[in-house]
Amino acid sequence: MVLKNDTVGNIKRVEKAKDDVDTSATETKGTVLIHSAEQLENYAKTEEAKIEELIKAIVDSGAKVIVSGGAVGEMALHFCERHNGLWF
């Protein structure tokens, strides 16, 4: 596979990467009403845990490289690198 752009993040090389294609798109738009600092903190922890769970599931499936057609969130990139994944 040849990609025109550089990787996102610090990991620049992966060997023996598996090949799989998922063209599904997801929408993550919504409104959350928060009334206190405690609610905000709990919401942030829950979102962080969900993103890590998703990235860990992708890496645990054997995927080492993730190619995205859109922007990559900082938290998703953080967990991707924590689990030694490469993101384009």
PDB file of N, CA and C in Angstrom:
ATOM      1  N   MET A   1       0.845  -1.167   0.000  1.00  0.00           N
ATOM      2  CA  MET A   1       0.000   0.000   0.000  1.00  0.00           C
ATOM      3  C   MET A   1       0.894   1.234   0.000  1.00  0.00           C
ATOM      4  N   VAL A   2       0.566   2.202  -0.796  1.00  0.00           N
ATOM      5  CA  VAL A   2       1.318   3.452  -0.850  1.00  0.00           C
ATOM      6  C   VAL A   2       0.418   4.574  -0.359  1.00  0.00           C
ATOM      7  N   LEU A   3       0.902   5.331   0.619  1.00  0.00           N
ATOM      8  CA  LEU A   3       0.148   6.450   1.170  1.00  0.00           C
ATOM      9  C   LEU A   3       0.931   7.727   0.959  1.00  0.00           C
ATOM     10  N   LYS A   4       0.234   8.754   0.549  1.00  0.00           N
ATOM     11  CA  LYS A   4       0.863  10.022   0.202  1.00  0.00           C
ATOM     12  C   LYS A   4       1.278  10.828   1.433  1.00  0.00           C
ATOM     13  N   ASN A   5       0.496  10.773   2.489  1.00  0.00           N
ATOM     14  CA  ASN A   5       0.768  11.590   3.669  1.00  0.00           C
ATOM     15  C   ASN A   5       1.612  10.854   4.688  1.00  0.00           C
ATOM     16  N   ASP A   6       2.216  11.627   5.601  1.00  0.00           N
ATOM     17  CA  ASP A   6       3.002  11.069   6.689  1.00  0.00           C
ATOM     18  C   ASP A   6       2.043  10.544   7.764  1.00  0.00           C
ATOM     19  N   THR A   7       2.591   9.779   8.691  1.00  0.00           N
ATOM     20  CA  THR A   7       1.784   9.256   9.786  1.00  0.00           C
ATOM     21  C   THR A   7       1.403  10.378  10.738  1.00  0.00           C
ATOM     22  N   VAL A   8       0.359  10.117  11.529  1.00  0.00           N
ATOM     23  CA  VAL A   8      -0.033  11.030  12.597  1.00  0.00           C
ATOM     24  C   VAL A   8       0.547  10.436  13.865  1.00  0.00           C
ATOM     25  N   GLY A   9       1.352  11.187  14.582  1.00  0.00           N
ATOM     26  CA  GLY A   9       1.935  10.667  15.813  1.00  0.00           C
ATOM     27  C   GLY A   9       3.410  10.348  15.672  1.00  0.00           C
ATOM     28  N   ASN A  10       3.929   9.682  16.686  1.00  0.00           N
ATOM     29  CA  ASN A  10       5.363   9.430  16.770  1.00  0.00           C
ATOM     30  C   ASN A  10       5.809   8.133  16.113  1.00  0.00           C
ATOM     31  N   ILE A  11       4.930   7.150  16.015  1.00  0.00           N
ATOM     32  CA  ILE A  11       5.297   5.864  15.424  1.00  0.00           C
ATOM     33  C   ILE A  11       5.336   6.022  13.912  1.00  0.00           C
ATOM     34  N   LYS A  12       6.457   5.654  13.285  1.00  0.00           N
ATOM     35  CA  LYS A  12       6.638   5.883  11.856  1.00  0.00           C
ATOM     36  C   LYS A  12       6.811   4.604  11.050  1.00  0.00           C
ATOM     37  N   ARG A  13       7.000   3.462  11.718  1.00  0.00           N
ATOM     38  CA  ARG A  13       7.249   2.220  10.985  1.00  0.00           C
ATOM     39  C   ARG A  13       6.641   1.041  11.740  1.00  0.00           C
ATOM     40  N   VAL A  14       6.010   0.151  10.981  1.00  0.00           N
ATOM     41  CA  VAL A  14       5.441  -1.073  11.538  1.00  0.00           C
ATOM     42  C   VAL A  14       5.778  -2.208  10.592  1.00  0.00           C
ATOM     43  N   GLU A  15       6.211  -3.335  11.142  1.00  0.00           N
ATOM     44  CA  GLU A  15       6.518  -4.492  10.313  1.00  0.00           C
ATOM     45  C   GLU A  15       5.472  -5.573  10.502  1.00  0.00           C
ATOM     46  N   LYS A  16       5.240  -6.357   9.435  1.00  0.00           N
ATOM     47  CA  LYS A  16       4.293  -7.475   9.437  1.00  0.00           C
ATOM     48  C   LYS A  16       2.880  -7.034   9.811  1.00  0.00           C
ATOM     49  N   ALA A  17       2.427  -5.922   9.244  1.00  0.00           N
ATOM     50  CA  ALA A  17       1.074  -5.426   9.497  1.00  0.00           C
ATOM     51  C   ALA A  17       0.060  -6.229   8.696  1.00  0.00           C
ATOM     52  N   LYS A  18      -1.090  -6.519   9.312  1.00  0.00           N
ATOM     53  CA  LYS A  18      -2.162  -7.227   8.625  1.00  0.00           C
ATOM     54  C   LYS A  18      -2.943  -6.255   7.745  1.00  0.00           C
ATOM     55  N   ASP A  19      -3.634  -6.787   6.756  1.00  0.00           N
ATOM     56  CA  ASP A  19      -4.412  -5.982   5.825  1.00  0.00           C
ATOM     57  C   ASP A  19      -5.898  -6.241   6.042  1.00  0.00           C
ATOM     58  N   ASP A  20      -6.652  -5.203   6.302  1.00  0.00           N
ATOM     59  CA  ASP A  20      -8.099  -5.303   6.456  1.00  0.00           C
ATOM     60  C   ASP A  20      -8.686  -3.948   6.099  1.00  0.00           C
ATOM     61  N   VAL A  21      -9.886  -3.952   5.552  1.00  0.00           N
ATOM     62  CA  VAL A  21     -10.515  -2.701   5.138  1.00  0.00           C
ATOM     63  C   VAL A  21     -11.894  -2.607   5.767  1.00  0.00           C
ATOM     64  N   ASP A  22     -12.174  -1.474   6.390  1.00  0.00           N
ATOM     65  CA  ASP A  22     -13.500  -1.193   6.938  1.00  0.00           C
ATOM     66  C   ASP A  22     -13.892   0.179   6.433  1.00  0.00           C
ATOM     67  N   THR A  23     -14.909   0.245   5.612  1.00  0.00           N
ATOM     68  CA  THR A  23     -15.306   1.517   5.013  1.00  0.00           C
ATOM     69  C   THR A  23     -16.516   2.119   5.702  1.00  0.00           C
ATOM     70  N   SER A  24     -16.907   1.579   6.849  1.00  0.00           N
ATOM     71  CA  SER A  24     -18.068   2.115   7.543  1.00  0.00           C
ATOM     72  C   SER A  24     -17.752   3.489   8.121  1.00  0.00           C
ATOM     73  N   ALA A  25     -18.765   4.307   8.178  1.00  0.00           N
ATOM     74  CA  ALA A  25     -18.613   5.650   8.730  1.00  0.00           C
ATOM     75  C   ALA A  25     -19.459   5.746   9.998  1.00  0.00           C
ATOM     76  N   THR A  26     -18.978   6.508  10.955  1.00  0.00           N
ATOM     77  CA  THR A  26     -19.736   6.702  12.185  1.00  0.00           C
ATOM     78  C   THR A  26     -19.944   8.187  12.418  1.00  0.00           C
ATOM     79  N   GLU A  27     -21.041   8.501  13.048  1.00  0.00           N
ATOM     80  CA  GLU A  27     -21.339   9.869  13.453  1.00  0.00           C
ATOM     81  C   GLU A  27     -21.300   9.911  14.967  1.00  0.00           C
ATOM     82  N   THR A  28     -20.630  10.861  15.526  1.00  0.00           N
ATOM     83  CA  THR A  28     -20.552  10.969  16.981  1.00  0.00           C
ATOM     84  C   THR A  28     -21.032  12.336  17.449  1.00  0.00           C
ATOM     85  N   LYS A  29     -22.052  12.848  16.818  1.00  0.00           N
ATOM     86  CA  LYS A  29     -22.582  14.146  17.230  1.00  0.00           C
ATOM     87  C   LYS A  29     -23.667  13.931  18.272  1.00  0.00           C
ATOM     88  N   GLY A  30     -23.708  14.808  19.234  1.00  0.00           N
ATOM     89  CA  GLY A  30     -24.723  14.726  20.274  1.00  0.00           C
ATOM     90  C   GLY A  30     -24.585  15.884  21.229  1.00  0.00           C
ATOM     91  N   THR A  31     -25.543  15.997  22.128  1.00  0.00           N
ATOM     92  CA  THR A  31     -25.535  17.065  23.112  1.00  0.00           C
ATOM     93  C   THR A  31     -25.549  16.452  24.495  1.00  0.00           C
ATOM     94  N   VAL A  32     -24.687  16.934  25.353  1.00  0.00           N
ATOM     95  CA  VAL A  32     -24.630  16.469  26.732  1.00  0.00           C
ATOM     96  C   VAL A  32     -24.825  17.684  27.625  1.00  0.00           C
ATOM     97  N   LEU A  33     -25.784  17.600  28.531  1.00  0.00           N
ATOM     98  CA  LEU A  33     -26.061  18.690  29.463  1.00  0.00           C
ATOM     99  C   LEU A  33     -25.411  18.356  30.795  1.00  0.00           C
ATOM    100  N   ILE A  34     -24.476  19.188  31.220  1.00  0.00           N
ATOM    101  CA  ILE A  34     -23.716  18.958  32.446  1.00  0.00           C
ATOM    102  C   ILE A  34     -23.986  20.102  33.411  1.00  0.00           C
ATOM    103  N   HIS A  35     -24.317  19.734  34.651  1.00  0.00           N
ATOM    104  CA  HIS A  35     -24.690  20.738  35.646  1.00  0.00           C
ATOM    105  C   HIS A  35     -23.625  20.988  36.704  1.00  0.00           C
ATOM    106  N   SER A  36     -22.639  20.116  36.813  1.00  0.00           N
ATOM    107  CA  SER A  36     -21.633  20.305  37.861  1.00  0.00           C
ATOM    108  C   SER A  36     -20.261  19.838  37.377  1.00  0.00           C
ATOM    109  N   ALA A  37     -19.253  20.249  38.120  1.00  0.00           N
ATOM    110  CA  ALA A  37     -17.885  19.844  37.797  1.00  0.00           C
ATOM    111  C   ALA A  37     -17.727  18.334  37.955  1.00  0.00           C
ATOM    112  N   GLU A  38     -18.413  17.743  38.920  1.00  0.00           N
ATOM    113  CA  GLU A  38     -18.343  16.293  39.129  1.00  0.00           C
ATOM    114  C   GLU A  38     -18.910  15.542  37.926  1.00  0.00           C
ATOM    115  N   GLN A  39     -20.017  16.031  37.372  1.00  0.00           N
ATOM    116  CA  GLN A  39     -20.596  15.414  36.179  1.00  0.00           C
ATOM    117  C   GLN A  39     -19.638  15.517  34.999  1.00  0.00           C
ATOM    118  N   LEU A  40     -18.992  16.657  34.862  1.00  0.00           N
ATOM    119  CA  LEU A  40     -18.034  16.854  33.774  1.00  0.00           C
ATOM    120  C   LEU A  40     -16.859  15.887  33.916  1.00  0.00           C
ATOM    121  N   GLU A  41     -16.355  15.748  35.125  1.00  0.00           N
ATOM    122  CA  GLU A  41     -15.234  14.845  35.355  1.00  0.00           C
ATOM    123  C   GLU A  41     -15.627  13.392  35.064  1.00  0.00           C
ATOM    124  N   ASN A  42     -16.795  12.981  35.505  1.00  0.00           N
ATOM    125  CA  ASN A  42     -17.263  11.620  35.247  1.00  0.00           C
ATOM    126  C   ASN A  42     -17.477  11.377  33.759  1.00  0.00           C
ATOM    127  N   TYR A  43     -18.007  12.359  33.056  1.00  0.00           N
ATOM    128  CA  TYR A  43     -18.223  12.232  31.614  1.00  0.00           C
ATOM    129  C   TYR A  43     -16.883  12.080  30.891  1.00  0.00           C
ATOM    130  N   ALA A  44     -15.907  12.894  31.274  1.00  0.00           N
ATOM    131  CA  ALA A  44     -14.593  12.832  30.634  1.00  0.00           C
ATOM    132  C   ALA A  44     -13.940  11.464  30.860  1.00  0.00           C
ATOM    133  N   LYS A  45     -14.054  10.930  32.070  1.00  0.00           N
ATOM    134  CA  LYS A  45     -13.471   9.617  32.369  1.00  0.00           C
ATOM    135  C   LYS A  45     -14.150   8.528  31.543  1.00  0.00           C
ATOM    136  N   THR A  46     -15.471   8.612  31.407  1.00  0.00           N
ATOM    137  CA  THR A  46     -16.219   7.628  30.630  1.00  0.00           C
ATOM    138  C   THR A  46     -15.821   7.687  29.160  1.00  0.00           C
ATOM    139  N   GLU A  47     -15.713   8.876  28.601  1.00  0.00           N
ATOM    140  CA  GLU A  47     -15.309   9.035  27.199  1.00  0.00           C
ATOM    141  C   GLU A  47     -13.895   8.503  26.977  1.00  0.00           C
ATOM    142  N   GLU A  48     -13.009   8.800  27.897  1.00  0.00           N
ATOM    143  CA  GLU A  48     -11.625   8.329  27.791  1.00  0.00           C
ATOM    144  C   GLU A  48     -11.585   6.802  27.803  1.00  0.00           C
ATOM    145  N   ALA A  49     -12.342   6.202  28.705  1.00  0.00           N
ATOM    146  CA  ALA A  49     -12.372   4.737  28.803  1.00  0.00           C
ATOM    147  C   ALA A  49     -12.935   4.107  27.528  1.00  0.00           C
ATOM    148  N   LYS A  50     -13.963   4.714  26.940  1.00  0.00           N
ATOM    149  CA  LYS A  50     -14.572   4.182  25.712  1.00  0.00           C
ATOM    150  C   LYS A  50     -13.592   4.254  24.545  1.00  0.00           C
ATOM    151  N   ILE A  51     -12.876   5.361  24.431  1.00  0.00           N
ATOM    152  CA  ILE A  51     -11.912   5.505  23.337  1.00  0.00           C
ATOM    153  C   ILE A  51     -10.779   4.499  23.496  1.00  0.00           C
ATOM    154  N   GLU A  52     -10.274   4.343  24.731  1.00  0.00           N
ATOM    155  CA  GLU A  52      -9.207   3.366  24.941  1.00  0.00           C
ATOM    156  C   GLU A  52      -9.711   1.951  24.639  1.00  0.00           C
ATOM    157  N   GLU A  53     -10.933   1.633  25.043  1.00  0.00           N
ATOM    158  CA  GLU A  53     -11.513   0.313  24.775  1.00  0.00           C
ATOM    159  C   GLU A  53     -11.597   0.051  23.277  1.00  0.00           C
ATOM    160  N   LEU A  54     -12.008   1.050  22.515  1.00  0.00           N
ATOM    161  CA  LEU A  54     -12.119   0.917  21.060  1.00  0.00           C
ATOM    162  C   LEU A  54     -10.751   0.702  20.412  1.00  0.00           C
ATOM    163  N   ILE A  55      -9.781   1.529  20.759  1.00  0.00           N
ATOM    164  CA  ILE A  55      -8.436   1.415  20.180  1.00  0.00           C
ATOM    165  C   ILE A  55      -7.803   0.089  20.585  1.00  0.00           C
ATOM    166  N   LYS A  56      -7.945  -0.306  21.853  1.00  0.00           N
ATOM    167  CA  LYS A  56      -7.376  -1.566  22.320  1.00  0.00           C
ATOM    168  C   LYS A  56      -7.996  -2.745  21.569  1.00  0.00           C
ATOM    169  N   ALA A  57      -9.294  -2.697  21.301  1.00  0.00           N
ATOM    170  CA  ALA A  57      -9.958  -3.773  20.557  1.00  0.00           C
ATOM    171  C   ALA A  57      -9.404  -3.876  19.139  1.00  0.00           C
ATOM    172  N   ILE A  58      -9.144  -2.726  18.512  1.00  0.00           N
ATOM    173  CA  ILE A  58      -8.587  -2.717  17.153  1.00  0.00           C
ATOM    174  C   ILE A  58      -7.189  -3.339  17.164  1.00  0.00           C
ATOM    175  N   VAL A  59      -6.348  -2.902  18.097  1.00  0.00           N
ATOM    176  CA  VAL A  59      -4.976  -3.414  18.175  1.00  0.00           C
ATOM    177  C   VAL A  59      -4.969  -4.889  18.591  1.00  0.00           C
ATOM    178  N   ASP A  60      -5.847  -5.262  19.513  1.00  0.00           N
ATOM    179  CA  ASP A  60      -5.913  -6.665  19.955  1.00  0.00           C
ATOM    180  C   ASP A  60      -6.386  -7.593  18.837  1.00  0.00           C
ATOM    181  N   SER A  61      -7.088  -7.048  17.843  1.00  0.00           N
ATOM    182  CA  SER A  61      -7.534  -7.869  16.720  1.00  0.00           C
ATOM    183  C   SER A  61      -6.366  -8.237  15.801  1.00  0.00           C
ATOM    184  N   GLY A  62      -5.215  -7.608  16.034  1.00  0.00           N
ATOM    185  CA  GLY A  62      -4.031  -7.885  15.221  1.00  0.00           C
ATOM    186  C   GLY A  62      -3.680  -6.733  14.291  1.00  0.00           C
ATOM    187  N   ALA A  63      -4.534  -5.728  14.217  1.00  0.00           N
ATOM    188  CA  ALA A  63      -4.245  -4.567  13.365  1.00  0.00           C
ATOM    189  C   ALA A  63      -3.137  -3.738  13.999  1.00  0.00           C
ATOM    190  N   LYS A  64      -2.178  -3.347  13.197  1.00  0.00           N
ATOM    191  CA  LYS A  64      -1.089  -2.497  13.675  1.00  0.00           C
ATOM    192  C   LYS A  64      -1.133  -1.119  13.034  1.00  0.00           C
ATOM    193  N   VAL A  65      -1.880  -0.991  11.939  1.00  0.00           N
ATOM    194  CA  VAL A  65      -1.956   0.267  11.198  1.00  0.00           C
ATOM    195  C   VAL A  65      -3.423   0.639  11.022  1.00  0.00           C
ATOM    196  N   ILE A  66      -3.757   1.899  11.327  1.00  0.00           N
ATOM    197  CA  ILE A  66      -5.104   2.411  11.130  1.00  0.00           C
ATOM    198  C   ILE A  66      -5.022   3.545  10.118  1.00  0.00           C
ATOM    199  N   VAL A  67      -5.792   3.425   9.038  1.00  0.00           N
ATOM    200  CA  VAL A  67      -5.830   4.468   8.013  1.00  0.00           C
ATOM    201  C   VAL A  67      -7.184   5.142   8.113  1.00  0.00           C
ATOM    202  N   SER A  68      -7.174   6.445   8.307  1.00  0.00           N
ATOM    203  CA  SER A  68      -8.409   7.202   8.496  1.00  0.00           C
ATOM    204  C   SER A  68      -8.531   8.284   7.434  1.00  0.00           C
ATOM    205  N   GLY A  69      -9.728   8.463   6.934  1.00  0.00           N
ATOM    206  CA  GLY A  69      -9.969   9.508   5.948  1.00  0.00           C
ATOM    207  C   GLY A  69     -10.301  10.845   6.575  1.00  0.00           C
ATOM    208  N   GLY A  70     -10.336  10.899   7.895  1.00  0.00           N
ATOM    209  CA  GLY A  70     -10.704  12.136   8.582  1.00  0.00           C
ATOM    210  C   GLY A  70      -9.696  12.504   9.649  1.00  0.00           C
ATOM    211  N   ALA A  71     -10.076  13.482  10.443  1.00  0.00           N
ATOM    212  CA  ALA A  71      -9.200  13.959  11.516  1.00  0.00           C
ATOM    213  C   ALA A  71      -9.088  12.913  12.617  1.00  0.00           C
ATOM    214  N   VAL A  72      -7.984  12.938  13.329  1.00  0.00           N
ATOM    215  CA  VAL A  72      -7.731  12.014  14.429  1.00  0.00           C
ATOM    216  C   VAL A  72      -7.696  12.816  15.715  1.00  0.00           C
ATOM    217  N   GLY A  73      -8.515  12.436  16.677  1.00  0.00           N
ATOM    218  CA  GLY A  73      -8.531  13.121  17.966  1.00  0.00           C
ATOM    219  C   GLY A  73      -7.272  12.840  18.754  1.00  0.00           C
ATOM    220  N   GLU A  74      -6.870  13.791  19.569  1.00  0.00           N
ATOM    221  CA  GLU A  74      -5.642  13.649  20.364  1.00  0.00           C
ATOM    222  C   GLU A  74      -5.709  12.457  21.305  1.00  0.00           C
ATOM    223  N   MET A  75      -6.875  12.221  21.910  1.00  0.00           N
ATOM    224  CA  MET A  75      -6.994  11.114  22.840  1.00  0.00           C
ATOM    225  C   MET A  75      -6.903   9.776  22.109  1.00  0.00           C
ATOM    226  N   ALA A  76      -7.544   9.680  20.937  1.00  0.00           N
ATOM    227  CA  ALA A  76      -7.474   8.448  20.147  1.00  0.00           C
ATOM    228  C   ALA A  76      -6.029   8.175  19.731  1.00  0.00           C
ATOM    229  N   LEU A  77      -5.326   9.204  19.309  1.00  0.00           N
ATOM    230  CA  LEU A  77      -3.920   9.055  18.923  1.00  0.00           C
ATOM    231  C   LEU A  77      -3.071   8.624  20.115  1.00  0.00           C
ATOM    232  N   HIS A  78      -3.338   9.199  21.277  1.00  0.00           N
ATOM    233  CA  HIS A  78      -2.609   8.837  22.495  1.00  0.00           C
ATOM    234  C   HIS A  78      -2.749   7.339  22.782  1.00  0.00           C
ATOM    235  N   PHE A  79      -3.975   6.832  22.731  1.00  0.00           N
ATOM    236  CA  PHE A  79      -4.192   5.416  23.030  1.00  0.00           C
ATOM    237  C   PHE A  79      -3.662   4.519  21.912  1.00  0.00           C
ATOM    238  N   CYS A  80      -3.701   4.987  20.687  1.00  0.00           N
ATOM    239  CA  CYS A  80      -3.136   4.227  19.583  1.00  0.00           C
ATOM    240  C   CYS A  80      -1.632   4.041  19.803  1.00  0.00           C
ATOM    241  N   GLU A  81      -0.948   5.094  20.164  1.00  0.00           N
ATOM    242  CA  GLU A  81       0.487   5.008  20.414  1.00  0.00           C
ATOM    243  C   GLU A  81       0.791   4.205  21.677  1.00  0.00           C
ATOM    244  N   ARG A  82      -0.047   4.319  22.686  1.00  0.00           N
ATOM    245  CA  ARG A  82       0.155   3.547  23.918  1.00  0.00           C
ATOM    246  C   ARG A  82       0.116   2.044  23.632  1.00  0.00           C
ATOM    247  N   HIS A  83      -0.719   1.660  22.668  1.00  0.00           N
ATOM    248  CA  HIS A  83      -0.863   0.252  22.313  1.00  0.00           C
ATOM    249  C   HIS A  83      -0.051  -0.102  21.049  1.00  0.00           C
ATOM    250  N   ASN A  84       0.918   0.761  20.685  1.00  0.00           N
ATOM    251  CA  ASN A  84       1.854   0.535  19.581  1.00  0.00           C
ATOM    252  C   ASN A  84       1.180   0.420  18.217  1.00  0.00           C
ATOM    253  N   GLY A  85       0.167   1.222  17.986  1.00  0.00           N
ATOM    254  CA  GLY A  85      -0.476   1.275  16.676  1.00  0.00           C
ATOM    255  C   GLY A  85       0.025   2.456  15.865  1.00  0.00           C
ATOM    256  N   LEU A  86      -0.070   2.365  14.574  1.00  0.00           N
ATOM    257  CA  LEU A  86       0.361   3.424  13.658  1.00  0.00           C
ATOM    258  C   LEU A  86      -0.888   3.989  12.988  1.00  0.00           C
ATOM    259  N   TRP A  87      -1.022   5.317  12.948  1.00  0.00           N
ATOM    260  CA  TRP A  87      -2.217   5.957  12.409  1.00  0.00           C
ATOM    261  C   TRP A  87      -1.868   6.859  11.231  1.00  0.00           C
ATOM    262  N   PHE A  88      -2.589   6.659  10.108  1.00  0.00           N
ATOM    263  CA  PHE A  88      -2.464   7.543   8.938  1.00  0.00           C
ATOM    264  C   PHE A  88      -3.716   8.362   8.826  1.00  0.00           C
TER     265      PHE A  88
END
